[in-house]
Amino acid sequence: MTGPAVLRELAPRVLGAVVRRFGHFDTAEDAVQEALLAAASQWPRDGVPANPTAWLITVAARRLTDLLRAEQARRRREDAVAAAVPVVAAPADSDGQADDSLVLLFLCCHQRLSPASQIALTLRAVGGLSTAEIARAFLVPESTMSRRISRAKQTVRAAGATFALPTAEERDARLAAVLHVLYLVFNEGYASTAGPDLQRMELCAEAIRLTRLVHRLLPDDAEVTGLLALMLLTDARRPARTGPDGALVPMAEQDRGRWDAAAVAEGVALVSAALARGEPGPYQLQAAIAAVHDEAPTAADTDWPQIVALYRVLMGLHDSQADGNPVVALNHAVAVAMAGGAGGPAAGLALVDRIADDERMAADHRLHAVRGHLLERAGDLGAAKAAYLRAAGLTASTPQRRYLVARAARLDG
């Protein structure tokens, strides 16, 4: 087994061993990436070494020596590294790898880094993705992503961060950033904001893997549990989200028999345990909403009044902040319309109109897609078609654009 997934699993262990032994997080990370590339090229041809981890550590250590020499590092440090390139035995179990992943995750989410830099550095150092892969995921040139990652590593080095799990106080200070990064990575994987693919499964899988590690470290943290539940409950629907031709299939039309029942069961158990601990946070509430969707046998059986109630609680949390969250408000509008009662689609449209003035939603295709959906339900087909086409013009996702154009075209019939 020499596929990308295997190398990504080995990446945190190798990087942890090299950094722990030699230091130089930023340069060591470059060396490890080159070792992974060498493995991807050589192992299929020459065979997998008896100890893959030790092979990678040795190659990375040698490359680290070359990089330090190229940078004209101080002679004493260079000699020390150059002399220390024997094979390093891999840990006897997976605990070392898990610990290294956590150390790297918290290191990459250092508070001095911007969210964009935190995501990029996490995917590179912890996820084992190449710079080119990360650049493709976020549709930026590889050179741009390379500079972003380099600046992030330099910032971490300048901050004097050490390769060790943060203290409880430091961990608590960084935990919100860690969870936010994992949430954003998962969302980008599940619904790619741009490009030819609706979803990037490797990003979803990596986000879930890392969140499981954080949950293992902090099993009693309700928001960590809630985030893991949210990912599992959302990812459970992935097999039914696209048709045979790769076209988007909306939730109401999905074959629920294709949903991952094991993931649903695990997610429901996790969010139930989290909610029982006290006042829920935003990840727990989002997971609870996902659970209501996933537990409905059919779309018609969805408990929309319960979803409306959960969104109201979630909006209350965001309203306590200065500017709220317009996306949460938009989802609440959909739930109000779907719940029926007084107003139905008209009530939902009135709520959408309130959100339309938020400048953060001005270029967001979701606002107009929701408006189109609610107008269609209200019977105003001409306005619905215009809204769908406007949404299609705003999205950079090819599958989303095709879906919205198809919805508009269907109204002509």
Protein backbone atom coordinates (compact mmCIF):
# COMPACT_ATOMS: atom_id res chain seq x y z
CA MET A 1 0.00 0.00 0.00
CA THR A 2 1.67 3.18 -1.18
CA GLY A 3 -1.30 5.41 -1.96
CA PRO A 4 -1.67 9.05 -0.90
CA ALA A 5 -3.82 8.10 2.11
CA VAL A 6 -1.06 5.88 3.53
CA LEU A 7 1.58 8.58 3.13
CA ARG A 8 -0.71 11.14 4.72
CA GLU A 9 -1.09 8.88 7.73
CA LEU A 10 2.69 8.62 8.05
CA ALA A 11 3.33 12.34 7.54
CA PRO A 12 2.59 13.56 11.11
CA ARG A 13 4.69 10.79 12.65
CA VAL A 14 7.64 11.53 10.39
CA LEU A 15 7.43 15.29 10.85
CA GLY A 16 7.06 14.89 14.61
CA ALA A 17 10.15 12.68 14.80
CA VAL A 18 12.27 15.04 12.70
CA VAL A 19 11.18 18.20 14.52
CA ARG A 20 11.54 16.59 17.94
CA ARG A 21 15.05 15.41 17.11
CA PHE A 22 16.39 18.38 15.17
CA GLY A 23 14.04 21.32 15.66
CA HIS A 24 13.56 23.73 12.72
CA PHE A 25 9.82 23.21 12.22
CA ASP A 26 9.66 25.25 9.04
CA THR A 27 12.64 23.64 7.31
CA ALA A 28 11.82 20.17 8.64
CA GLU A 29 8.35 20.41 7.14
CA ASP A 30 9.83 21.09 3.71
CA ALA A 31 12.20 18.15 4.14
CA VAL A 32 9.37 15.79 5.10
CA GLN A 33 7.33 16.84 2.08
CA GLU A 34 10.26 16.01 -0.18
CA ALA A 35 10.64 12.63 1.53
CA LEU A 36 6.95 11.91 0.90
CA LEU A 37 7.36 12.82 -2.76
CA ALA A 38 10.39 10.53 -2.98
CA ALA A 39 8.37 7.68 -1.45
CA ALA A 40 5.48 8.23 -3.87
CA SER A 41 7.95 7.95 -6.73
CA GLN A 42 10.27 5.18 -5.54
CA TRP A 43 8.13 2.76 -3.55
CA PRO A 44 5.84 1.68 -6.40
CA ARG A 45 8.99 0.91 -8.43
CA ASP A 46 11.35 -0.49 -5.77
CA GLY A 47 8.91 -1.84 -3.21
CA VAL A 48 7.85 -0.58 0.20
CA PRO A 49 10.68 -0.64 2.79
CA ALA A 50 10.39 -2.96 5.77
CA ASN A 51 10.04 0.07 8.02
CA PRO A 52 8.35 2.82 5.96
CA THR A 53 8.36 5.35 8.79
CA ALA A 54 12.08 4.96 9.45
CA TRP A 55 12.81 5.23 5.72
CA LEU A 56 10.92 8.50 5.51
CA ILE A 57 12.59 9.88 8.65
CA THR A 58 16.04 9.04 7.27
CA VAL A 59 15.35 10.65 3.90
CA ALA A 60 13.81 13.69 5.55
CA ALA A 61 16.75 14.05 7.94
CA ARG A 62 19.22 13.93 5.07
CA ARG A 63 17.20 16.47 3.12
CA LEU A 64 17.00 18.66 6.21
CA THR A 65 20.78 18.64 6.35
CA ASP A 66 20.95 19.76 2.73
CA LEU A 67 18.45 22.54 3.34
CA LEU A 68 20.29 23.80 6.40
CA ARG A 69 23.55 23.82 4.45
CA ALA A 70 21.91 25.69 1.61
CA GLU A 71 20.74 28.30 4.09
CA GLN A 72 24.27 28.55 5.50
CA ALA A 73 23.17 27.57 8.97
CA ARG A 74 25.61 27.95 11.78
CA ARG A 75 28.39 25.32 11.54
CA ARG A 76 27.69 23.76 14.91
CA ARG A 77 24.03 23.19 14.16
CA GLU A 78 24.86 21.93 10.67
CA ASP A 79 27.39 19.42 11.98
CA ALA A 80 25.00 18.18 14.63
CA VAL A 81 22.26 17.54 12.08
CA ALA A 82 24.62 16.10 9.48
CA ALA A 83 25.89 13.57 12.02
CA ALA A 84 22.42 12.48 13.04
CA VAL A 85 20.94 10.67 10.08
CA PRO A 86 20.71 7.01 11.13
CA VAL A 87 17.42 5.17 10.88
CA VAL A 88 15.09 6.14 13.70
CA ALA A 89 12.85 3.34 14.91
CA ALA A 90 9.13 3.94 14.56
CA PRO A 91 6.98 3.91 17.69
CA ALA A 92 5.66 0.54 18.71
CA ASP A 93 2.04 1.69 18.50
CA SER A 94 -0.04 4.49 17.00
CA ASP A 95 -0.09 6.70 20.09
CA GLY A 96 3.02 8.55 19.01
CA GLN A 97 1.51 9.30 15.64
CA ALA A 98 -1.71 10.54 17.21
CA ASP A 99 0.19 12.69 19.69
CA ASP A 100 2.32 14.17 16.92
CA SER A 101 -0.77 14.98 14.88
CA LEU A 102 -2.25 16.84 17.83
CA VAL A 103 0.97 18.73 18.51
CA LEU A 104 1.17 19.75 14.87
CA LEU A 105 -2.51 20.68 14.74
CA PHE A 106 -2.27 23.04 17.70
CA LEU A 107 1.02 24.40 16.37
CA CYS A 108 -0.51 25.13 12.98
CA CYS A 109 -3.41 26.93 14.65
CA HIS A 110 -1.15 29.35 16.47
CA GLN A 111 -3.02 32.50 17.39
CA ARG A 112 -0.63 34.70 15.41
CA LEU A 113 -1.70 33.11 12.13
CA SER A 114 -4.65 34.22 10.03
CA PRO A 115 -7.46 31.65 9.48
CA ALA A 116 -6.36 31.18 5.85
CA SER A 117 -2.79 30.48 6.94
CA GLN A 118 -3.95 28.14 9.70
CA ILE A 119 -5.92 26.08 7.19
CA ALA A 120 -3.11 25.93 4.65
CA LEU A 121 -0.45 25.01 7.20
CA THR A 122 -2.71 22.39 8.82
CA LEU A 123 -3.39 20.67 5.50
CA ARG A 124 0.30 20.72 4.60
CA ALA A 125 1.91 19.72 7.92
CA VAL A 126 -0.81 17.56 9.47
CA GLY A 127 -2.81 16.39 6.49
CA GLY A 128 0.19 15.60 4.33
CA LEU A 129 -1.27 17.34 1.27
CA SER A 130 1.17 18.83 -1.19
CA THR A 131 1.25 22.54 -1.86
CA ALA A 132 -0.20 21.86 -5.30
CA GLU A 133 -3.12 19.90 -3.83
CA ILE A 134 -3.91 22.65 -1.33
CA ALA A 135 -3.68 25.28 -4.07
CA ARG A 136 -6.12 23.28 -6.22
CA ALA A 137 -8.53 22.89 -3.30
CA PHE A 138 -8.73 26.66 -2.85
CA LEU A 139 -8.25 27.60 -6.51
CA VAL A 140 -5.16 29.74 -6.12
CA PRO A 141 -1.87 29.44 -7.98
CA GLU A 142 0.62 27.02 -6.44
CA SER A 143 3.12 29.87 -6.09
CA THR A 144 0.60 31.88 -4.07
CA MET A 145 -0.09 28.96 -1.75
CA SER A 146 3.63 28.27 -1.40
CA ARG A 147 4.23 31.83 -0.24
CA ARG A 148 1.30 31.66 2.17
CA ILE A 149 2.62 28.47 3.74
CA SER A 150 6.17 29.84 3.93
CA ARG A 151 4.98 33.00 5.67
CA ALA A 152 2.93 30.91 8.10
CA LYS A 153 5.93 28.78 9.03
CA GLN A 154 8.06 31.86 9.49
CA THR A 155 5.42 33.35 11.77
CA VAL A 156 5.32 30.22 13.90
CA ARG A 157 9.10 30.22 14.15
CA ALA A 158 9.23 33.92 15.04
CA ALA A 159 6.66 33.32 17.77
CA GLY A 160 9.08 30.92 19.46
CA ALA A 161 6.59 28.05 19.41
CA THR A 162 7.97 24.70 20.58
CA PHE A 163 7.10 21.21 19.40
CA ALA A 164 5.01 20.08 22.35
CA LEU A 165 1.36 19.88 23.26
CA PRO A 166 0.36 23.30 24.60
CA THR A 167 -0.33 23.78 28.26
CA ALA A 168 -3.96 23.55 29.34
CA GLU A 169 -4.18 27.34 29.26
CA GLU A 170 -2.61 27.61 25.80
CA ARG A 171 -4.74 24.74 24.54
CA ASP A 172 -7.93 26.42 25.68
CA ALA A 173 -6.82 29.64 24.00
CA ARG A 174 -6.23 27.85 20.68
CA LEU A 175 -9.05 25.33 20.79
CA ALA A 176 -11.62 27.61 19.17
CA ALA A 177 -9.22 28.25 16.28
CA VAL A 178 -8.49 24.52 15.93
CA LEU A 179 -12.19 23.67 15.75
CA HIS A 180 -12.86 26.51 13.32
CA VAL A 181 -10.07 25.34 11.02
CA LEU A 182 -11.35 21.76 11.06
CA TYR A 183 -14.89 23.01 10.41
CA LEU A 184 -13.75 25.06 7.41
CA VAL A 185 -11.65 22.23 6.00
CA PHE A 186 -14.61 19.87 6.23
CA ASN A 187 -17.00 22.36 4.64
CA GLU A 188 -14.62 23.01 1.74
CA GLY A 189 -14.39 19.26 1.21
CA TYR A 190 -18.13 18.64 1.44
CA ALA A 191 -19.24 21.56 -0.72
CA SER A 192 -16.31 22.93 -2.69
CA THR A 193 -16.71 26.65 -3.19
CA ALA A 194 -15.27 26.55 -6.70
CA GLY A 195 -14.05 24.25 -9.41
CA PRO A 196 -15.32 21.21 -11.31
CA ASP A 197 -15.99 18.96 -8.32
CA LEU A 198 -18.93 19.21 -5.94
CA GLN A 199 -16.92 17.71 -3.11
CA ARG A 200 -13.34 16.83 -2.14
CA MET A 201 -13.57 13.58 -0.22
CA GLU A 202 -9.95 13.70 0.96
CA LEU A 203 -10.56 17.00 2.75
CA CYS A 204 -13.65 15.60 4.49
CA ALA A 205 -11.79 12.47 5.55
CA GLU A 206 -8.84 14.47 6.85
CA ALA A 207 -11.07 16.83 8.83
CA ILE A 208 -12.90 13.89 10.42
CA ARG A 209 -9.63 12.10 11.24
CA LEU A 210 -8.15 15.14 12.95
CA THR A 211 -11.37 15.91 14.81
CA ARG A 212 -11.39 12.36 16.14
CA LEU A 213 -7.89 12.96 17.52
CA VAL A 214 -8.99 16.16 19.26
CA HIS A 215 -12.02 14.33 20.63
CA ARG A 216 -9.75 11.60 21.95
CA LEU A 217 -7.70 14.29 23.71
CA LEU A 218 -10.74 16.16 25.04
CA PRO A 219 -13.58 13.61 25.26
CA ASP A 220 -15.53 15.70 27.77
CA ASP A 221 -15.54 18.89 25.70
CA ALA A 222 -19.10 19.17 24.40
CA GLU A 223 -18.22 21.39 21.44
CA VAL A 224 -15.46 19.05 20.27
CA THR A 225 -17.98 16.21 20.48
CA GLY A 226 -20.56 18.33 18.69
CA LEU A 227 -18.20 19.12 15.83
CA LEU A 228 -17.32 15.47 15.32
CA ALA A 229 -21.03 14.59 15.36
CA LEU A 230 -21.79 17.34 12.84
CA MET A 231 -19.13 16.07 10.45
CA LEU A 232 -20.28 12.46 10.69
CA LEU A 233 -23.97 13.30 10.27
CA THR A 234 -23.26 15.52 7.29
CA ASP A 235 -20.74 13.23 5.61
CA ALA A 236 -23.17 10.32 6.00
CA ARG A 237 -25.24 11.81 3.16
CA ARG A 238 -22.31 12.10 0.77
CA PRO A 239 -22.96 8.84 -1.18
CA ALA A 240 -26.37 10.14 -2.27
CA ARG A 241 -25.41 13.77 -3.02
CA THR A 242 -24.49 13.14 -6.65
CA GLY A 243 -26.10 11.22 -9.46
CA PRO A 244 -24.34 8.80 -11.83
CA ASP A 245 -23.22 11.76 -13.95
CA GLY A 246 -21.86 13.65 -10.95
CA ALA A 247 -24.78 16.10 -10.89
CA LEU A 248 -25.89 17.53 -7.55
CA VAL A 249 -28.89 15.83 -5.95
CA PRO A 250 -30.68 18.02 -3.34
CA MET A 251 -31.40 16.46 0.03
CA ALA A 252 -35.15 16.22 -0.58
CA GLU A 253 -34.51 14.03 -3.64
CA GLN A 254 -31.72 11.84 -2.28
CA ASP A 255 -32.03 8.08 -1.88
CA ARG A 256 -31.76 7.87 1.90
CA GLY A 257 -31.04 4.18 1.66
CA ARG A 258 -27.60 5.18 0.40
CA TRP A 259 -26.81 7.26 3.48
CA ASP A 260 -24.17 5.79 5.78
CA ALA A 261 -26.28 4.33 8.59
CA ALA A 262 -23.27 3.64 10.84
CA ALA A 263 -22.09 7.25 10.60
CA VAL A 264 -25.60 8.47 11.35
CA ALA A 265 -25.86 6.25 14.42
CA GLU A 266 -22.46 7.37 15.72
CA GLY A 267 -23.24 11.02 15.08
CA VAL A 268 -26.60 10.84 16.82
CA ALA A 269 -25.05 9.13 19.85
CA LEU A 270 -22.31 11.76 20.05
CA VAL A 271 -24.59 14.78 19.80
CA SER A 272 -27.06 13.26 22.27
CA ALA A 273 -24.26 12.82 24.80
CA ALA A 274 -22.98 16.36 24.17
CA LEU A 275 -26.37 18.02 24.54
CA ALA A 276 -26.93 16.24 27.83
CA ARG A 277 -23.97 18.07 29.38
CA GLY A 278 -25.55 21.51 29.59
CA GLU A 279 -25.98 24.64 27.48
CA PRO A 280 -25.19 23.76 23.86
CA GLY A 281 -22.73 25.62 21.69
CA PRO A 282 -22.97 26.28 17.94
CA TYR A 283 -21.40 23.00 16.80
CA GLN A 284 -23.73 20.98 19.00
CA LEU A 285 -26.78 22.85 17.70
CA GLN A 286 -25.72 22.36 14.08
CA ALA A 287 -25.18 18.68 14.80
CA ALA A 288 -28.64 18.47 16.37
CA ILE A 289 -30.16 19.99 13.22
CA ALA A 290 -28.23 17.51 11.07
CA ALA A 291 -29.49 14.68 13.28
CA VAL A 292 -33.12 15.72 12.77
CA HIS A 293 -32.58 15.59 9.00
CA ASP A 294 -30.75 12.26 9.10
CA GLU A 295 -33.26 10.53 11.34
CA ALA A 296 -36.24 11.37 9.09
CA PRO A 297 -37.16 8.29 7.00
CA THR A 298 -38.23 10.52 4.11
CA ALA A 299 -37.96 14.21 3.29
CA ALA A 300 -41.69 14.56 4.00
CA ASP A 301 -41.15 13.18 7.52
CA THR A 302 -38.61 15.89 8.44
CA ASP A 303 -39.52 17.59 11.72
CA TRP A 304 -39.25 21.15 10.43
CA PRO A 305 -40.76 22.81 13.54
CA GLN A 306 -37.98 21.25 15.62
CA ILE A 307 -35.39 22.48 13.13
CA VAL A 308 -36.89 25.99 13.31
CA ALA A 309 -36.60 25.90 17.11
CA LEU A 310 -32.98 24.76 16.95
CA TYR A 311 -32.10 27.50 14.45
CA ARG A 312 -33.67 30.08 16.74
CA VAL A 313 -31.40 28.96 19.57
CA LEU A 314 -28.42 29.01 17.23
CA MET A 315 -29.32 32.49 16.02
CA GLY A 316 -29.54 33.61 19.62
CA LEU A 317 -25.93 32.55 20.13
CA HIS A 318 -24.81 34.47 17.05
CA ASP A 319 -26.93 37.50 17.92
CA SER A 320 -24.88 37.84 21.08
CA GLN A 321 -21.99 38.69 18.77
CA ALA A 322 -21.67 42.06 17.12
CA ASP A 323 -22.74 41.09 13.61
CA GLY A 324 -24.55 37.77 13.86
CA ASN A 325 -24.33 35.13 11.14
CA PRO A 326 -26.33 35.73 7.95
CA VAL A 327 -25.89 32.15 6.72
CA VAL A 328 -27.53 30.81 9.87
CA ALA A 329 -30.33 33.34 9.39
CA LEU A 330 -30.72 32.19 5.77
CA ASN A 331 -31.03 28.54 6.82
CA HIS A 332 -33.57 29.60 9.46
CA ALA A 333 -35.63 31.27 6.72
CA VAL A 334 -35.71 28.03 4.74
CA ALA A 335 -36.79 26.08 7.83
CA VAL A 336 -39.58 28.57 8.55
CA ALA A 337 -40.86 28.21 4.99
CA MET A 338 -40.67 24.42 5.10
CA ALA A 339 -42.39 24.22 8.48
CA GLY A 340 -45.54 25.69 6.96
CA GLY A 341 -47.84 27.35 9.47
CA ALA A 342 -48.61 31.04 9.11
CA GLY A 343 -47.14 32.31 5.89
CA GLY A 344 -45.19 29.31 4.63
CA PRO A 345 -42.96 30.37 1.70
CA ALA A 346 -44.08 33.99 2.10
CA ALA A 347 -42.84 34.04 5.69
CA GLY A 348 -39.54 32.58 4.59
CA LEU A 349 -39.18 35.14 1.81
CA ALA A 350 -39.80 37.97 4.25
CA LEU A 351 -36.92 36.70 6.35
CA VAL A 352 -34.70 36.40 3.27
CA ASP A 353 -35.44 40.02 2.41
CA ARG A 354 -34.05 41.06 5.79
CA ILE A 355 -30.81 39.24 5.10
CA ALA A 356 -30.43 40.68 1.59
CA ASP A 357 -29.20 44.00 2.99
CA ASP A 358 -26.23 42.32 4.68
CA GLU A 359 -23.22 43.21 2.52
CA ARG A 360 -21.61 39.86 3.36
CA MET A 361 -24.34 38.17 1.33
CA ALA A 362 -24.24 40.52 -1.65
CA ALA A 363 -22.19 38.16 -3.82
CA ASP A 364 -23.25 34.91 -2.15
CA HIS A 365 -25.14 32.64 -4.53
CA ARG A 366 -26.90 30.91 -1.65
CA LEU A 367 -29.11 33.90 -0.93
CA HIS A 368 -30.50 33.93 -4.47
CA ALA A 369 -30.72 30.13 -4.65
CA VAL A 370 -32.87 30.11 -1.51
CA ARG A 371 -34.97 32.97 -2.86
CA GLY A 372 -35.52 31.00 -6.07
CA HIS A 373 -36.53 27.90 -4.13
CA LEU A 374 -39.03 29.79 -1.98
CA LEU A 375 -40.44 31.74 -4.93
CA GLU A 376 -40.93 28.46 -6.78
CA ARG A 377 -42.79 27.02 -3.81
CA ALA A 378 -44.91 30.18 -3.68
CA GLY A 379 -45.83 29.77 -7.36
CA ASP A 380 -44.01 32.83 -8.72
CA LEU A 381 -42.15 30.91 -11.41
CA GLY A 382 -40.86 33.90 -13.37
CA ALA A 383 -39.21 35.47 -10.34
CA ALA A 384 -37.95 32.05 -9.25
CA LYS A 385 -36.24 31.51 -12.61
CA ALA A 386 -34.55 34.92 -12.42
CA ALA A 387 -33.31 34.18 -8.91
CA TYR A 388 -31.91 30.78 -9.92
CA LEU A 389 -30.06 32.30 -12.87
CA ARG A 390 -28.67 35.08 -10.73
CA ALA A 391 -27.42 32.49 -8.24
CA ALA A 392 -25.88 30.49 -11.08
CA GLY A 393 -23.98 33.56 -12.20
CA LEU A 394 -22.51 34.09 -8.75
CA THR A 395 -21.26 30.60 -7.88
CA ALA A 396 -17.77 29.45 -8.89
CA SER A 397 -18.75 25.78 -8.43
CA THR A 398 -19.44 24.09 -11.75
CA PRO A 399 -21.85 21.43 -10.34
CA GLN A 400 -23.76 24.11 -8.39
CA ARG A 401 -24.02 26.28 -11.51
CA ARG A 402 -25.31 23.41 -13.62
CA TYR A 403 -27.88 22.51 -10.96
CA LEU A 404 -29.17 26.08 -10.70
CA VAL A 405 -29.38 26.53 -14.47
CA ALA A 406 -31.27 23.23 -14.71
CA ARG A 407 -33.70 24.39 -12.02
CA ALA A 408 -34.33 27.58 -13.96
CA ALA A 409 -34.79 25.69 -17.24
CA ARG A 410 -37.28 23.33 -15.64
CA LEU A 411 -39.57 26.27 -14.86
CA ASP A 412 -39.97 26.96 -18.59
CA GLY A 413 -41.85 23.71 -18.98
